[in-house]
N, C-alpha and C. Protein backbone atom coordinates (compact mmCIF):
# COMPACT_ATOMS: atom_id res chain seq x y z
N UNK A 1 125.60 11.29 129.73
CA UNK A 1 126.09 12.74 129.57
C UNK A 1 124.47 13.25 129.58
N UNK A 2 124.36 14.52 130.11
CA UNK A 2 123.02 15.30 129.92
C UNK A 2 122.92 15.91 128.85
N UNK A 3 121.84 15.86 128.42
CA UNK A 3 121.25 16.54 127.05
C UNK A 3 120.69 17.87 127.32
N UNK A 4 121.24 18.78 126.97
CA UNK A 4 120.64 19.99 127.09
C UNK A 4 119.49 20.58 126.12
N UNK A 5 118.47 20.50 126.51
CA UNK A 5 117.25 20.86 125.74
C UNK A 5 117.11 22.40 125.20
N UNK A 6 116.60 22.67 124.25
CA UNK A 6 116.33 24.23 123.85
C UNK A 6 115.81 25.05 125.03
N UNK A 7 116.11 26.33 124.77
CA UNK A 7 115.64 27.29 125.90
C UNK A 7 114.05 27.59 125.40
N UNK A 8 113.23 27.10 126.46
CA UNK A 8 111.72 27.32 126.08
C UNK A 8 111.35 28.81 125.74
N UNK A 9 110.69 29.06 124.89
CA UNK A 9 110.23 30.28 124.40
C UNK A 9 109.28 30.93 125.28
N UNK A 10 109.42 31.84 125.53
CA UNK A 10 108.43 32.76 126.57
C UNK A 10 107.31 33.69 125.75
N UNK A 11 106.16 33.03 126.07
CA UNK A 11 105.24 33.80 124.99
C UNK A 11 104.72 35.25 125.77
N UNK A 12 105.11 36.09 124.72
CA UNK A 12 104.86 37.40 125.23
C UNK A 12 103.17 37.76 125.22
N UNK A 13 102.75 38.52 126.31
CA UNK A 13 101.38 38.80 126.25
C UNK A 13 101.03 39.91 125.23
N UNK A 14 100.11 39.70 124.61
CA UNK A 14 99.55 40.70 123.53
C UNK A 14 99.37 42.16 124.20
N UNK A 15 100.22 42.91 123.25
CA UNK A 15 99.98 44.56 123.60
C UNK A 15 98.64 44.95 123.29
N UNK A 16 98.14 45.39 124.44
CA UNK A 16 96.91 46.15 124.77
C UNK A 16 96.73 47.26 123.71
N UNK A 17 95.87 47.38 122.74
CA UNK A 17 95.65 48.81 122.11
C UNK A 17 94.64 49.74 122.72
N UNK A 18 94.13 48.96 123.97
CA UNK A 18 93.15 49.89 124.58
C UNK A 18 93.79 51.24 125.09
N UNK A 19 93.44 52.24 124.74
CA UNK A 19 93.85 53.84 125.18
C UNK A 19 93.45 53.67 126.70
N UNK A 20 94.35 54.28 127.27
CA UNK A 20 94.16 54.68 128.66
C UNK A 20 93.90 56.11 128.95
N UNK A 21 93.45 56.45 130.35
CA UNK A 21 93.35 57.80 130.60
C UNK A 21 94.30 58.29 131.39
N UNK A 22 95.71 58.29 131.15
CA UNK A 22 96.85 58.74 131.87
C UNK A 22 97.19 57.91 132.96
N UNK A 23 97.01 56.43 132.97
CA UNK A 23 97.37 55.66 134.09
C UNK A 23 98.98 55.49 133.79
N UNK A 24 99.33 55.82 132.73
CA UNK A 24 101.04 55.52 132.47
C UNK A 24 101.55 56.99 132.79
N UNK A 25 101.09 57.57 133.54
CA UNK A 25 101.77 58.73 134.04
C UNK A 25 101.63 60.04 133.08
N UNK A 26 100.79 59.95 132.26
CA UNK A 26 100.54 61.01 131.34
C UNK A 26 101.01 60.77 130.28
N UNK A 27 101.75 59.76 129.65
CA UNK A 27 102.40 59.75 128.44
C UNK A 27 101.49 59.54 127.51
N UNK A 28 100.05 58.68 127.81
CA UNK A 28 99.28 58.49 126.77
C UNK A 28 98.19 59.38 126.89
N UNK A 29 98.03 60.08 125.87
CA UNK A 29 97.29 61.44 126.09
C UNK A 29 95.80 61.09 124.96
N UNK A 30 95.86 60.09 124.86
CA UNK A 30 94.54 59.73 123.86
C UNK A 30 93.31 59.47 124.92
N UNK A 31 92.36 60.04 124.80
CA UNK A 31 91.15 59.83 125.56
C UNK A 31 90.90 58.30 125.62
N UNK A 32 90.44 57.67 126.77
CA UNK A 32 89.89 56.16 126.48
C UNK A 32 88.51 56.15 126.54
N UNK A 33 87.91 57.23 126.81
CA UNK A 33 86.24 57.17 126.52
C UNK A 33 86.01 57.91 125.20
N UNK A 34 85.40 57.19 124.23
CA UNK A 34 85.06 57.87 123.06
C UNK A 34 84.21 59.22 123.10
N UNK A 35 83.58 59.17 124.28
CA UNK A 35 82.68 60.33 124.61
C UNK A 35 83.37 61.34 125.11
N UNK A 36 84.68 61.37 125.32
CA UNK A 36 85.39 62.39 126.01
C UNK A 36 85.58 63.63 124.65
N UNK A 37 85.55 64.75 125.09
CA UNK A 37 85.83 65.95 123.91
C UNK A 37 87.20 65.85 123.91
N UNK A 38 87.43 66.05 122.16
CA UNK A 38 88.80 66.19 121.81
C UNK A 38 89.56 67.40 122.17
N UNK A 39 90.57 67.31 122.40
CA UNK A 39 91.48 68.72 122.71
C UNK A 39 91.41 69.50 121.49
N UNK A 40 91.23 70.78 121.44
CA UNK A 40 91.53 71.74 120.33
C UNK A 40 91.91 72.99 120.76
N UNK A 41 92.96 73.35 119.95
CA UNK A 41 93.43 74.87 120.15
C UNK A 41 92.30 75.81 120.10
N UNK A 42 92.50 76.80 121.12
CA UNK A 42 91.57 77.88 121.07
C UNK A 42 91.95 78.94 120.01
N UNK A 43 90.89 79.27 119.44
CA UNK A 43 91.33 80.45 118.11
C UNK A 43 90.12 81.24 118.53
N UNK A 44 90.14 82.67 118.65
CA UNK A 44 89.37 83.61 118.70
C UNK A 44 88.79 84.01 117.51
N UNK A 45 87.39 84.61 117.48
CA UNK A 45 86.75 84.83 116.67
C UNK A 45 87.40 86.02 115.67
N UNK A 46 87.31 85.85 114.26
CA UNK A 46 88.17 87.10 113.41
C UNK A 46 87.52 88.42 113.96
N UNK A 47 86.37 88.37 114.09
CA UNK A 47 85.69 89.81 114.59
C UNK A 47 86.44 90.32 115.79
N UNK A 48 86.56 89.60 116.95
CA UNK A 48 87.01 90.12 117.99
C UNK A 48 88.62 90.37 118.03
N UNK A 49 89.21 89.62 117.10
CA UNK A 49 90.74 89.90 116.80
C UNK A 49 90.96 91.30 116.08
N UNK A 50 90.20 91.70 115.07
CA UNK A 50 89.93 92.73 114.46
C UNK A 50 89.47 93.79 115.30
N UNK A 51 88.92 93.80 116.08
CA UNK A 51 88.43 94.86 117.18
C UNK A 51 89.68 95.26 118.07
N UNK A 52 90.18 94.33 118.51
CA UNK A 52 91.45 94.45 119.27
C UNK A 52 92.58 95.27 118.85
N UNK A 53 92.77 94.69 117.47
CA UNK A 53 93.81 95.55 116.61
C UNK A 53 93.42 96.91 116.25
N UNK A 54 92.23 97.00 115.83
CA UNK A 54 91.57 98.57 115.90
C UNK A 54 91.87 99.41 117.15
N UNK A 55 91.48 98.68 118.31
CA UNK A 55 91.83 99.50 119.57
C UNK A 55 93.13 99.61 119.73
N UNK A 56 93.79 98.89 119.52
CA UNK A 56 95.34 99.29 119.65
C UNK A 56 96.00 100.32 118.51
N UNK A 57 95.48 100.35 117.47
CA UNK A 57 95.89 101.50 116.68
C UNK A 57 95.24 102.78 117.16
N UNK A 58 94.31 102.99 117.70
CA UNK A 58 93.53 104.08 118.09
C UNK A 58 94.14 104.52 119.56
N UNK A 59 94.55 103.58 120.29
CA UNK A 59 95.47 103.86 121.66
C UNK A 59 96.78 104.40 121.28
N UNK A 60 97.22 104.17 120.23
CA UNK A 60 98.53 104.53 119.63
C UNK A 60 98.31 105.76 119.09
N UNK A 61 97.17 106.14 118.35
CA UNK A 61 97.21 107.27 117.71
C UNK A 61 97.13 108.44 118.80
N UNK A 62 95.96 108.41 119.67
CA UNK A 62 95.53 109.22 120.73
C UNK A 62 96.69 109.43 121.67
N UNK A 63 97.32 108.52 121.90
CA UNK A 63 98.63 108.61 122.92
C UNK A 63 99.84 109.65 122.06
N UNK A 64 99.97 109.37 120.77
CA UNK A 64 100.59 110.51 119.92
C UNK A 64 100.07 112.02 120.27
N UNK A 65 98.89 111.98 120.04
CA UNK A 65 98.21 113.40 120.08
C UNK A 65 98.35 113.81 121.27
N UNK A 66 98.10 113.30 122.45
CA UNK A 66 98.06 113.48 123.86
C UNK A 66 99.58 114.12 124.25
N UNK A 67 100.68 113.33 123.79
CA UNK A 67 102.18 113.60 124.00
C UNK A 67 102.46 114.87 122.98
N UNK A 68 101.83 115.02 121.85
CA UNK A 68 102.21 116.28 121.18
C UNK A 68 101.87 117.56 121.73
N UNK A 69 100.35 117.33 122.41
CA UNK A 69 99.91 118.46 122.98
C UNK A 69 100.58 118.80 124.28
N UNK A 70 101.05 117.94 125.01
CA UNK A 70 101.55 118.39 126.31
C UNK A 70 103.14 118.81 126.00
N UNK A 71 103.94 118.35 124.89
CA UNK A 71 104.94 118.81 124.59
C UNK A 71 104.95 120.40 124.22
N UNK A 72 104.00 120.47 123.05
CA UNK A 72 103.59 121.95 122.37
C UNK A 72 103.35 122.91 123.74
N UNK A 73 102.56 122.47 124.73
CA UNK A 73 102.12 123.35 125.56
C UNK A 73 103.31 123.66 126.43
N UNK A 74 104.33 122.97 126.75
CA UNK A 74 105.51 123.30 127.72
C UNK A 74 106.42 123.90 126.83
N UNK A 75 106.28 123.83 125.51
CA UNK A 75 107.74 124.79 124.88
C UNK A 75 106.82 126.01 124.07
N UNK A 76 105.96 126.29 124.24
CA UNK A 76 105.29 127.51 123.52
C UNK A 76 105.18 128.81 124.43
N UNK A 77 105.05 129.86 123.95
CA UNK A 77 104.67 131.30 124.47
C UNK A 77 103.22 131.68 124.16
N UNK A 78 102.93 131.16 123.22
CA UNK A 78 101.30 131.35 122.47
C UNK A 78 100.35 130.52 122.96
N UNK A 79 100.46 129.77 124.00
CA UNK A 79 99.29 129.01 124.50
C UNK A 79 98.43 129.86 125.06
N UNK A 80 97.23 129.72 124.68
CA UNK A 80 96.07 130.37 125.33
C UNK A 80 95.12 129.49 125.94
N UNK A 81 94.56 130.10 127.21
CA UNK A 81 93.44 129.12 128.00
C UNK A 81 92.33 129.14 127.04
N UNK A 82 91.68 127.86 126.94
CA UNK A 82 90.57 127.71 126.10
C UNK A 82 89.56 127.62 127.03
N UNK A 83 88.15 127.99 127.27
CA UNK A 83 87.15 127.78 127.82
C UNK A 83 86.36 126.60 127.34
N UNK A 84 86.39 125.52 127.85
CA UNK A 84 85.59 124.47 127.40
C UNK A 84 84.17 124.49 127.28
N UNK A 85 83.50 124.22 126.18
CA UNK A 85 82.14 124.44 126.08
C UNK A 85 81.60 123.67 127.12
N UNK A 86 80.16 124.07 128.02
CA UNK A 86 79.66 123.39 129.09
C UNK A 86 78.94 122.27 128.45
N UNK A 87 78.60 122.25 127.14
CA UNK A 87 77.59 121.44 126.60
C UNK A 87 78.64 119.90 126.49
N UNK A 88 79.83 119.98 126.65
CA UNK A 88 80.75 118.74 126.68
C UNK A 88 80.33 117.62 127.78
N UNK A 89 80.02 118.36 129.21
CA UNK A 89 79.55 117.75 130.21
C UNK A 89 78.26 116.75 129.96
N UNK A 90 77.59 117.49 129.33
CA UNK A 90 75.98 116.91 129.01
C UNK A 90 76.47 115.75 128.10
N UNK A 91 77.36 116.06 127.05
CA UNK A 91 77.41 114.82 125.94
C UNK A 91 78.28 113.82 126.66
N UNK A 92 79.14 114.24 127.50
CA UNK A 92 79.75 112.82 128.44
C UNK A 92 78.63 112.05 129.04
N UNK A 93 77.68 112.52 129.64
CA UNK A 93 76.58 111.90 130.25
C UNK A 93 75.93 111.09 129.31
N UNK A 94 75.64 111.77 128.26
CA UNK A 94 74.90 111.05 127.19
C UNK A 94 75.70 109.95 126.34
N UNK A 95 76.97 109.98 126.64
CA UNK A 95 77.49 108.72 125.85
C UNK A 95 77.68 107.73 127.06
N UNK A 96 77.69 108.08 128.01
CA UNK A 96 77.87 106.99 129.24
C UNK A 96 76.43 106.10 129.24
N UNK A 97 75.48 106.98 129.10
CA UNK A 97 73.98 106.47 128.92
C UNK A 97 74.05 105.68 128.01
N UNK A 98 74.79 105.81 126.74
CA UNK A 98 74.64 105.03 125.54
C UNK A 98 75.16 103.48 125.60
N UNK A 99 76.46 103.72 126.33
CA UNK A 99 77.34 102.59 126.93
C UNK A 99 76.43 101.63 127.78
N UNK A 100 75.58 102.27 128.68
CA UNK A 100 75.03 101.44 129.70
C UNK A 100 73.61 100.80 128.75
N UNK A 101 73.08 101.30 127.87
CA UNK A 101 72.08 100.98 126.92
C UNK A 101 72.50 99.69 126.27
N UNK A 102 73.75 99.76 125.72
CA UNK A 102 74.20 98.66 124.78
C UNK A 102 74.62 97.46 125.85
N UNK A 103 74.93 97.64 127.29
CA UNK A 103 75.21 96.63 128.05
C UNK A 103 73.98 95.96 128.25
N UNK A 104 72.92 96.68 128.62
CA UNK A 104 71.67 96.09 128.69
C UNK A 104 71.05 95.34 127.56
N UNK A 105 71.55 95.65 126.26
CA UNK A 105 71.01 95.08 125.08
C UNK A 105 71.91 93.51 125.13
N UNK A 106 73.14 93.67 125.52
CA UNK A 106 73.74 92.27 125.50
C UNK A 106 73.38 91.39 126.42
N UNK A 107 72.91 91.78 127.47
CA UNK A 107 72.32 91.05 128.52
C UNK A 107 70.83 90.57 127.94
N UNK A 108 70.40 91.02 127.54
CA UNK A 108 68.82 90.80 126.92
C UNK A 108 69.07 89.66 125.63
N UNK A 109 69.98 90.10 124.88
CA UNK A 109 70.39 89.30 123.82
C UNK A 109 70.81 87.70 124.39
N UNK A 110 71.60 87.48 125.24
CA UNK A 110 72.01 86.38 126.00
C UNK A 110 71.06 85.77 126.42
N UNK A 111 69.97 86.44 127.18
CA UNK A 111 68.80 85.78 127.68
C UNK A 111 67.80 85.07 126.57
N UNK A 112 68.05 85.79 125.57
CA UNK A 112 67.02 85.52 124.22
C UNK A 112 67.55 84.29 123.75
N UNK A 113 69.01 84.14 123.54
CA UNK A 113 69.67 82.90 123.22
C UNK A 113 69.50 81.86 123.99
N UNK A 114 69.33 82.11 125.40
CA UNK A 114 69.26 80.75 126.18
C UNK A 114 67.71 80.30 126.48
N UNK A 115 66.96 81.13 126.52
CA UNK A 115 65.47 81.01 126.75
C UNK A 115 64.67 80.85 125.63
N UNK A 116 65.30 81.38 124.47
CA UNK A 116 64.36 81.62 123.34
C UNK A 116 63.04 82.35 123.39
N UNK A 117 62.89 83.43 124.23
CA UNK A 117 61.80 83.98 124.47
C UNK A 117 61.59 85.45 123.54
N UNK A 118 60.84 85.51 122.89
CA UNK A 118 60.62 86.53 121.96
C UNK A 118 60.58 88.06 122.67
N UNK A 119 60.20 88.18 123.73
CA UNK A 119 60.16 89.31 124.62
C UNK A 119 61.62 89.81 124.82
N UNK A 120 62.50 88.82 125.10
CA UNK A 120 64.03 89.18 125.31
C UNK A 120 64.41 89.84 123.81
N UNK A 121 64.07 89.23 122.71
CA UNK A 121 64.47 89.70 121.60
C UNK A 121 64.25 91.07 121.16
N UNK A 122 62.93 91.42 121.76
CA UNK A 122 62.60 92.69 121.42
C UNK A 122 62.98 93.76 122.47
N UNK A 123 63.37 93.34 123.30
CA UNK A 123 63.98 94.15 124.54
C UNK A 123 65.48 94.57 123.94
N UNK A 124 66.21 93.45 123.62
CA UNK A 124 67.62 93.84 123.02
C UNK A 124 67.64 94.69 121.90
N UNK A 125 66.52 94.48 120.95
CA UNK A 125 66.63 95.67 119.86
C UNK A 125 66.23 97.05 120.25
N UNK A 126 65.39 97.13 121.27
CA UNK A 126 65.19 98.43 121.89
C UNK A 126 66.22 99.19 122.47
N UNK A 127 66.96 98.23 123.30
CA UNK A 127 68.11 98.61 124.09
C UNK A 127 69.10 99.03 122.92
N UNK A 128 69.30 98.49 121.67
CA UNK A 128 70.37 98.78 120.86
C UNK A 128 69.85 100.13 120.11
N UNK A 129 68.54 100.21 119.80
CA UNK A 129 68.05 101.42 119.25
C UNK A 129 68.33 102.64 120.08
N UNK A 130 68.21 102.52 121.56
CA UNK A 130 68.46 103.63 122.39
C UNK A 130 70.11 103.89 122.31
N UNK A 131 71.02 102.91 122.56
CA UNK A 131 72.26 103.30 122.46
C UNK A 131 72.50 103.90 121.22
N UNK A 132 71.99 103.54 119.99
CA UNK A 132 72.21 104.40 118.85
C UNK A 132 71.63 105.96 118.76
N UNK A 133 70.68 106.03 119.08
CA UNK A 133 69.99 107.46 119.36
C UNK A 133 70.82 108.13 120.21
N UNK A 134 71.31 107.50 121.27
CA UNK A 134 71.94 108.65 122.53
C UNK A 134 73.53 108.77 121.75
N UNK A 135 73.85 107.77 120.94
CA UNK A 135 75.28 108.28 120.18
C UNK A 135 75.28 109.39 119.27
N UNK A 136 74.18 109.42 118.62
CA UNK A 136 73.87 110.46 117.66
C UNK A 136 73.57 111.77 118.50
N UNK A 137 73.04 111.65 119.37
CA UNK A 137 72.91 112.80 120.26
C UNK A 137 74.19 113.23 120.66
N UNK A 138 75.33 112.46 121.00
CA UNK A 138 76.42 112.89 121.50
C UNK A 138 77.03 113.41 120.13
N UNK A 139 77.05 112.87 119.09
CA UNK A 139 77.90 113.67 117.78
C UNK A 139 77.26 115.05 117.64
N UNK A 140 75.88 115.18 117.81
CA UNK A 140 75.10 116.39 117.62
C UNK A 140 75.59 117.61 118.66
N UNK A 141 75.97 116.83 119.97
CA UNK A 141 76.19 117.89 120.80
C UNK A 141 77.58 118.44 120.66
N UNK A 142 78.40 117.27 120.26
CA UNK A 142 80.11 117.77 119.69
C UNK A 142 79.80 118.80 118.68
N UNK A 143 78.75 118.76 117.72
CA UNK A 143 78.92 119.67 116.87
C UNK A 143 78.28 121.16 117.17
N UNK A 144 77.51 120.84 118.34
CA UNK A 144 77.13 122.34 118.79
C UNK A 144 78.31 122.93 119.64
N UNK A 145 79.09 122.37 120.09
CA UNK A 145 80.21 122.70 120.80
C UNK A 145 80.94 123.38 119.95
N UNK A 146 81.31 122.75 118.62
CA UNK A 146 82.20 123.40 117.78
C UNK A 146 81.48 124.69 117.39
N UNK A 147 80.24 124.84 117.15
CA UNK A 147 79.69 126.01 116.82
C UNK A 147 79.89 127.16 117.79
N UNK A 148 79.72 126.68 119.06
CA UNK A 148 79.77 127.57 120.18
C UNK A 148 81.23 128.36 120.14
N UNK A 149 82.31 127.43 119.75
CA UNK A 149 83.59 128.10 119.72
C UNK A 149 83.54 128.99 118.48
N UNK A 150 83.08 128.36 117.34
CA UNK A 150 83.31 129.41 116.09
C UNK A 150 82.51 130.74 116.38
N UNK A 151 81.20 130.63 117.15
CA UNK A 151 80.69 131.90 117.39
C UNK A 151 81.58 133.00 118.26
N UNK A 152 82.65 132.39 119.06
CA UNK A 152 83.40 133.04 119.92
C UNK A 152 84.83 133.60 118.97
N UNK A 153 84.66 133.26 117.74
CA UNK A 153 85.82 133.27 117.05
C UNK A 153 87.13 132.57 117.05
N UNK A 154 86.75 131.21 117.55
CA UNK A 154 87.86 130.35 117.82
C UNK A 154 87.57 129.18 116.71
N UNK A 155 88.88 129.24 116.03
CA UNK A 155 88.72 128.23 114.99
C UNK A 155 90.09 127.29 114.97
N UNK A 156 90.31 126.51 113.96
CA UNK A 156 91.17 125.44 113.97
C UNK A 156 92.57 126.14 114.12
N UNK A 157 92.70 127.25 113.38
CA UNK A 157 93.91 127.81 113.30
C UNK A 157 94.36 129.00 114.07
N UNK A 158 93.17 129.37 114.96
CA UNK A 158 93.33 130.45 115.72
C UNK A 158 94.72 130.51 116.79
N UNK A 159 94.93 129.46 117.47
CA UNK A 159 95.89 129.20 118.26
C UNK A 159 96.28 127.68 118.44
N UNK A 160 97.60 127.10 118.90
CA UNK A 160 97.71 125.89 118.92
C UNK A 160 96.78 125.15 120.02
N UNK A 161 96.27 125.86 120.92
CA UNK A 161 95.28 125.46 121.88
C UNK A 161 93.99 124.83 121.24
N UNK A 162 93.52 125.99 120.19
CA UNK A 162 92.21 125.42 119.75
C UNK A 162 92.54 124.11 118.53
N UNK A 163 93.82 124.39 117.89
CA UNK A 163 94.04 123.29 116.89
C UNK A 163 94.13 122.06 117.52
N UNK A 164 94.49 121.64 118.77
CA UNK A 164 94.48 120.53 119.44
C UNK A 164 93.05 120.00 119.71
N UNK A 165 92.29 121.14 120.22
CA UNK A 165 90.90 120.64 120.64
C UNK A 165 90.16 120.25 119.55
N UNK A 166 90.21 121.03 118.43
CA UNK A 166 89.53 120.38 117.30
C UNK A 166 90.00 119.19 116.73
N UNK A 167 91.10 119.16 116.53
CA UNK A 167 91.73 117.86 116.19
C UNK A 167 91.36 116.66 117.04
N UNK A 168 91.43 116.57 118.41
CA UNK A 168 90.86 115.52 119.22
C UNK A 168 89.60 115.26 119.13
N UNK A 169 88.72 116.38 119.16
CA UNK A 169 87.34 116.10 119.29
C UNK A 169 86.64 115.57 117.97
N UNK A 170 87.30 116.23 116.98
CA UNK A 170 86.69 115.62 115.68
C UNK A 170 87.29 114.06 115.31
N UNK A 171 88.52 113.84 115.79
CA UNK A 171 88.93 112.36 115.47
C UNK A 171 88.09 111.43 116.50
N UNK A 172 87.73 111.94 117.43
CA UNK A 172 87.04 111.00 118.20
C UNK A 172 85.43 110.97 117.67
N UNK A 173 84.93 111.90 117.50
CA UNK A 173 83.59 111.82 116.72
C UNK A 173 83.74 110.96 115.49
N UNK A 174 84.83 110.98 114.55
CA UNK A 174 84.74 110.22 113.59
C UNK A 174 84.80 108.62 114.00
N UNK A 175 85.44 108.29 115.29
CA UNK A 175 85.36 106.95 115.72
C UNK A 175 84.08 106.55 115.96
N UNK A 176 83.15 107.57 116.70
CA UNK A 176 81.73 107.28 117.37
C UNK A 176 80.83 107.21 116.19
N UNK A 177 81.21 107.69 115.08
CA UNK A 177 80.43 107.62 113.65
C UNK A 177 80.43 106.44 113.19
N UNK A 178 81.93 105.72 113.32
CA UNK A 178 82.26 104.17 112.73
C UNK A 178 81.53 103.37 113.96
N UNK A 179 81.35 103.64 115.17
CA UNK A 179 80.63 102.69 115.88
C UNK A 179 79.26 102.69 115.67
N UNK A 180 78.42 104.05 115.39
CA UNK A 180 77.37 103.93 115.01
C UNK A 180 76.87 102.94 114.03
N UNK A 181 77.97 103.12 112.88
CA UNK A 181 77.74 102.30 111.74
C UNK A 181 77.62 100.70 112.20
N UNK A 182 78.61 100.42 112.96
CA UNK A 182 78.77 98.89 113.41
C UNK A 182 77.38 98.60 114.22
N UNK A 183 76.81 99.61 115.07
CA UNK A 183 75.70 99.28 115.80
C UNK A 183 74.46 99.03 115.00
N UNK A 184 74.50 99.89 113.85
CA UNK A 184 73.33 99.89 112.53
C UNK A 184 73.48 98.40 112.14
N UNK A 185 74.81 97.91 111.77
CA UNK A 185 74.99 96.45 111.21
C UNK A 185 74.17 95.32 112.43
N UNK A 186 74.54 95.77 113.56
CA UNK A 186 74.27 94.48 114.37
C UNK A 186 72.80 94.77 114.47
N UNK A 187 71.84 95.84 114.48
CA UNK A 187 70.37 95.75 114.49
C UNK A 187 69.98 95.01 113.46
N UNK A 188 70.51 95.39 112.10
CA UNK A 188 70.08 94.73 111.03
C UNK A 188 70.22 93.15 111.15
N UNK A 189 71.63 92.67 111.66
CA UNK A 189 71.66 91.16 111.73
C UNK A 189 70.60 90.76 112.70
N UNK A 190 70.48 91.12 113.86
CA UNK A 190 69.45 91.03 114.87
C UNK A 190 68.08 90.88 114.35
N UNK A 191 67.57 91.89 113.57
CA UNK A 191 66.42 91.83 112.78
C UNK A 191 66.15 90.41 112.19
N UNK A 192 67.03 90.19 111.47
CA UNK A 192 67.06 89.07 110.35
C UNK A 192 67.16 87.73 111.07
N UNK A 193 67.57 87.62 112.67
CA UNK A 193 67.74 86.55 113.30
C UNK A 193 69.10 86.03 113.11
N UNK A 194 70.18 86.67 112.33
CA UNK A 194 71.35 86.12 112.18
C UNK A 194 72.33 86.62 112.59
N UNK A 195 72.28 87.26 113.85
CA UNK A 195 73.46 87.91 114.79
C UNK A 195 73.97 86.91 115.60
N UNK A 196 75.25 86.97 115.38
CA UNK A 196 76.14 86.12 116.14
C UNK A 196 76.79 86.63 117.66
N UNK A 197 76.75 86.06 118.49
CA UNK A 197 76.97 86.61 119.96
C UNK A 197 78.48 87.19 120.06
N UNK A 198 79.42 86.49 119.29
CA UNK A 198 80.91 87.22 119.21
C UNK A 198 80.61 88.59 118.39
N UNK A 199 79.85 88.78 117.64
CA UNK A 199 79.75 90.10 116.62
C UNK A 199 79.42 91.16 117.71
N UNK A 200 78.36 90.81 118.49
CA UNK A 200 77.70 91.78 119.41
C UNK A 200 78.71 92.17 120.58
N UNK A 201 79.53 91.03 120.97
CA UNK A 201 80.52 91.24 122.18
C UNK A 201 81.74 92.25 121.31
N UNK A 202 81.86 91.91 119.89
CA UNK A 202 83.19 92.79 119.48
C UNK A 202 82.67 94.17 119.38
N UNK A 203 81.55 94.23 118.90
CA UNK A 203 80.86 95.90 118.56
C UNK A 203 80.68 96.45 119.95
N UNK A 204 80.29 95.87 121.03
CA UNK A 204 80.21 96.33 122.29
C UNK A 204 81.61 96.85 123.03
N UNK A 205 82.60 96.05 122.64
CA UNK A 205 83.74 96.40 123.33
C UNK A 205 84.38 97.38 122.67
N UNK A 206 83.97 97.82 121.17
CA UNK A 206 84.76 98.79 120.64
C UNK A 206 83.93 100.11 121.29
N UNK A 207 82.54 100.13 121.45
CA UNK A 207 81.81 101.00 121.92
C UNK A 207 82.20 101.66 123.20
N UNK A 208 82.55 100.67 124.27
CA UNK A 208 82.78 100.92 125.72
C UNK A 208 84.30 101.44 125.55
N UNK A 209 84.93 101.03 124.68
CA UNK A 209 86.17 101.71 124.57
C UNK A 209 86.34 103.18 124.03
N UNK A 210 85.59 103.39 122.98
CA UNK A 210 85.44 104.87 122.61
C UNK A 210 84.74 105.79 123.72
N UNK A 211 83.81 105.28 124.39
CA UNK A 211 83.19 105.87 125.77
C UNK A 211 84.38 106.26 126.44
N UNK A 212 85.14 105.35 127.28
CA UNK A 212 86.24 105.25 128.04
C UNK A 212 87.24 106.66 127.39
N UNK A 213 87.54 106.38 126.11
CA UNK A 213 88.39 107.33 125.47
C UNK A 213 88.02 108.83 125.76
N UNK A 214 86.57 108.89 125.48
CA UNK A 214 86.24 110.31 125.62
C UNK A 214 86.24 110.68 127.04
N UNK A 215 86.04 110.07 127.93
CA UNK A 215 86.31 110.47 129.13
C UNK A 215 87.51 111.03 129.56
N UNK A 216 88.43 110.12 129.16
CA UNK A 216 90.08 110.51 129.08
C UNK A 216 90.41 111.70 128.43
N UNK A 217 89.80 111.88 127.16
CA UNK A 217 90.05 113.37 126.36
C UNK A 217 89.33 114.29 127.28
N UNK A 218 88.26 114.45 127.74
CA UNK A 218 87.53 115.48 128.48
C UNK A 218 88.61 115.83 129.66
N UNK A 219 89.19 114.86 130.44
CA UNK A 219 89.97 115.16 131.70
C UNK A 219 91.30 115.88 130.90
N UNK A 220 91.80 115.30 129.87
CA UNK A 220 92.92 116.07 129.17
C UNK A 220 92.75 117.33 128.65
N UNK A 221 91.59 117.69 128.13
CA UNK A 221 91.16 119.23 127.53
C UNK A 221 90.89 119.99 128.83
N UNK A 222 90.42 119.41 130.02
CA UNK A 222 90.00 120.44 131.14
C UNK A 222 91.47 120.74 131.74
N UNK A 223 92.46 119.83 132.08
CA UNK A 223 93.53 119.92 132.46
C UNK A 223 94.78 120.57 131.77
N UNK A 224 94.74 120.45 130.65
CA UNK A 224 95.89 121.00 129.50
C UNK A 224 95.48 122.14 128.72
N UNK A 225 94.05 122.35 128.60
CA UNK A 225 93.58 123.52 127.91
C UNK A 225 93.60 124.87 128.59
């Protein structure tokens, strides 16, 4: 009678703990090379996020003003034509030049961070000063425009047309002043050598936005006033 021997045990190969680089169809997501960069979720800088939120709020506010202006004009019989002060055209050119100067400052600052050349640092600060001076000139030009209207006897409550003109231009000038304060802060940080690139980018983004906002308002005033 045949003797049945025990079933021989099959020795399993040891399970390799060595991570792979996707050889198993992408199931193993652990990098095989210790030098590989770890995957991290991107998180935008708080300054950039705050500026985008601020821009969104400003857009909503001026969209409401624009809608109210158009509705009020179409539904009223006391709407009077308002001659736009010509200095507003000069103010527009000044503000565009300020935006260009700020763009040059950003490029000089980027070159300075890469090459660590002191001359680039001085150029960036000079262009920032130019942007601030031009911004101040814009606000001064807006003040001259208001004085010209007052000299013609046109005040905030003279008619609905003038009311919208003062509200829109003054509200925009307030946002310009806020941008000038931000630029002064950037210059202070740059002088101390502690300016971060994301801070300059966020302030530049806001300044370019208020520049484009003024161009929009100018066209709105021209065609609706």
